Amino acid sequence: MEYNRPHFRPTYVNFLSDSQLANSILTGSKEAYLVYLNSTLASAQKSWAKFVIRDG
């Protein structure tokens, strides 16, 4: 089984003047990462990753 790391386009939200746009981008990034986690990791790893993302 081959490991395929997800490719996320970096977006530097610190330099955006529109805070709503920055929040939207961050929310979309978290959702994309969670979709990746759910499709590749075991349940224990998913729980840990969700905890880190939620509280991090």
C-alpha atoms as a PDB file:
ATOM      1  CA  MET A   1       0.000   0.000   0.000  1.00  0.00           C
ATOM      2  CA  GLU A   2       1.429   3.329  -1.037  1.00  0.00           C
ATOM      3  CA  TYR A   3       1.236   6.389   1.203  1.00  0.00           C
ATOM      4  CA  ASN A   4       0.039   9.502  -0.575  1.00  0.00           C
ATOM      5  CA  ARG A   5       0.491  12.645   1.433  1.00  0.00           C
ATOM      6  CA  PRO A   6      -2.157  15.287   0.817  1.00  0.00           C
ATOM      7  CA  HIS A   7      -1.105  18.457  -0.941  1.00  0.00           C
ATOM      8  CA  PHE A   8      -2.520  21.635   0.495  1.00  0.00           C
ATOM      9  CA  ARG A   9      -1.928  24.969  -1.135  1.00  0.00           C
ATOM     10  CA  PRO A  10      -0.427  27.314   1.468  1.00  0.00           C
ATOM     11  CA  THR A  11      -2.412  30.460   2.129  1.00  0.00           C
ATOM     12  CA  TYR A  12      -0.957  33.077   4.409  1.00  0.00           C
ATOM     13  CA  VAL A  13      -4.006  34.333   6.261  1.00  0.00           C
ATOM     14  CA  ASN A  14      -1.986  36.644   8.519  1.00  0.00           C
ATOM     15  CA  PHE A  15      -1.707  39.119   5.666  1.00  0.00           C
ATOM     16  CA  LEU A  16      -5.389  39.210   4.703  1.00  0.00           C
ATOM     17  CA  SER A  17      -7.247  42.369   5.656  1.00  0.00           C
ATOM     18  CA  ASP A  18     -10.639  40.607   5.502  1.00  0.00           C
ATOM     19  CA  SER A  19     -10.942  38.517   8.666  1.00  0.00           C
ATOM     20  CA  GLN A  20     -14.065  36.727   7.413  1.00  0.00           C
ATOM     21  CA  LEU A  21     -12.176  35.539   4.335  1.00  0.00           C
ATOM     22  CA  ALA A  22      -9.284  34.352   6.510  1.00  0.00           C
ATOM     23  CA  ASN A  23     -11.660  32.434   8.796  1.00  0.00           C
ATOM     24  CA  SER A  24     -13.352  30.884   5.772  1.00  0.00           C
ATOM     25  CA  ILE A  25     -10.009  29.729   4.381  1.00  0.00           C
ATOM     26  CA  LEU A  26      -8.964  28.238   7.721  1.00  0.00           C
ATOM     27  CA  THR A  27     -12.288  26.443   8.129  1.00  0.00           C
ATOM     28  CA  GLY A  28     -12.001  25.000   4.618  1.00  0.00           C
ATOM     29  CA  SER A  29      -8.462  23.829   5.330  1.00  0.00           C
ATOM     30  CA  LYS A  30      -9.510  22.070   8.534  1.00  0.00           C
ATOM     31  CA  GLU A  31     -12.389  20.366   6.729  1.00  0.00           C
ATOM     32  CA  ALA A  32     -10.118  19.205   3.903  1.00  0.00           C
ATOM     33  CA  TYR A  33      -7.623  17.811   6.391  1.00  0.00           C
ATOM     34  CA  LEU A  34     -10.340  15.978   8.333  1.00  0.00           C
ATOM     35  CA  VAL A  35     -11.608  14.411   5.093  1.00  0.00           C
ATOM     36  CA  TYR A  36      -8.059  13.211   4.427  1.00  0.00           C
ATOM     37  CA  LEU A  37      -7.768  11.822   7.960  1.00  0.00           C
ATOM     38  CA  ASN A  38     -11.073   9.997   7.744  1.00  0.00           C
ATOM     39  CA  SER A  39     -10.080   8.359   4.479  1.00  0.00           C
ATOM     40  CA  THR A  40      -6.643   7.167   5.590  1.00  0.00           C
ATOM     41  CA  LEU A  41      -6.191   6.738   9.325  1.00  0.00           C
ATOM     42  CA  ALA A  42      -7.352   4.215  11.889  1.00  0.00           C
ATOM     43  CA  SER A  43     -10.041   5.221  14.372  1.00  0.00           C
ATOM     44  CA  ALA A  44      -7.653   5.858  17.295  1.00  0.00           C
ATOM     45  CA  GLN A  45      -5.541   8.135  15.147  1.00  0.00           C
ATOM     46  CA  LYS A  46      -8.652   9.949  13.908  1.00  0.00           C
ATOM     47  CA  SER A  47      -9.786  10.648  17.465  1.00  0.00           C
ATOM     48  CA  TRP A  48      -6.371  11.980  18.410  1.00  0.00           C
ATOM     49  CA  ALA A  49      -6.124  14.177  15.319  1.00  0.00           C
ATOM     50  CA  LYS A  50      -9.610  15.629  15.844  1.00  0.00           C
ATOM     51  CA  PHE A  51      -8.669  16.424  19.445  1.00  0.00           C
ATOM     52  CA  VAL A  52      -5.488  18.196  18.322  1.00  0.00           C
ATOM     53  CA  ILE A  53      -7.271  20.192  15.609  1.00  0.00           C
ATOM     54  CA  ARG A  54     -10.159  21.165  17.885  1.00  0.00           C
ATOM     55  CA  ASP A  55      -8.007  22.209  20.841  1.00  0.00           C
ATOM     56  CA  GLY A  56      -4.911  23.311  18.972  1.00  0.00           C
END
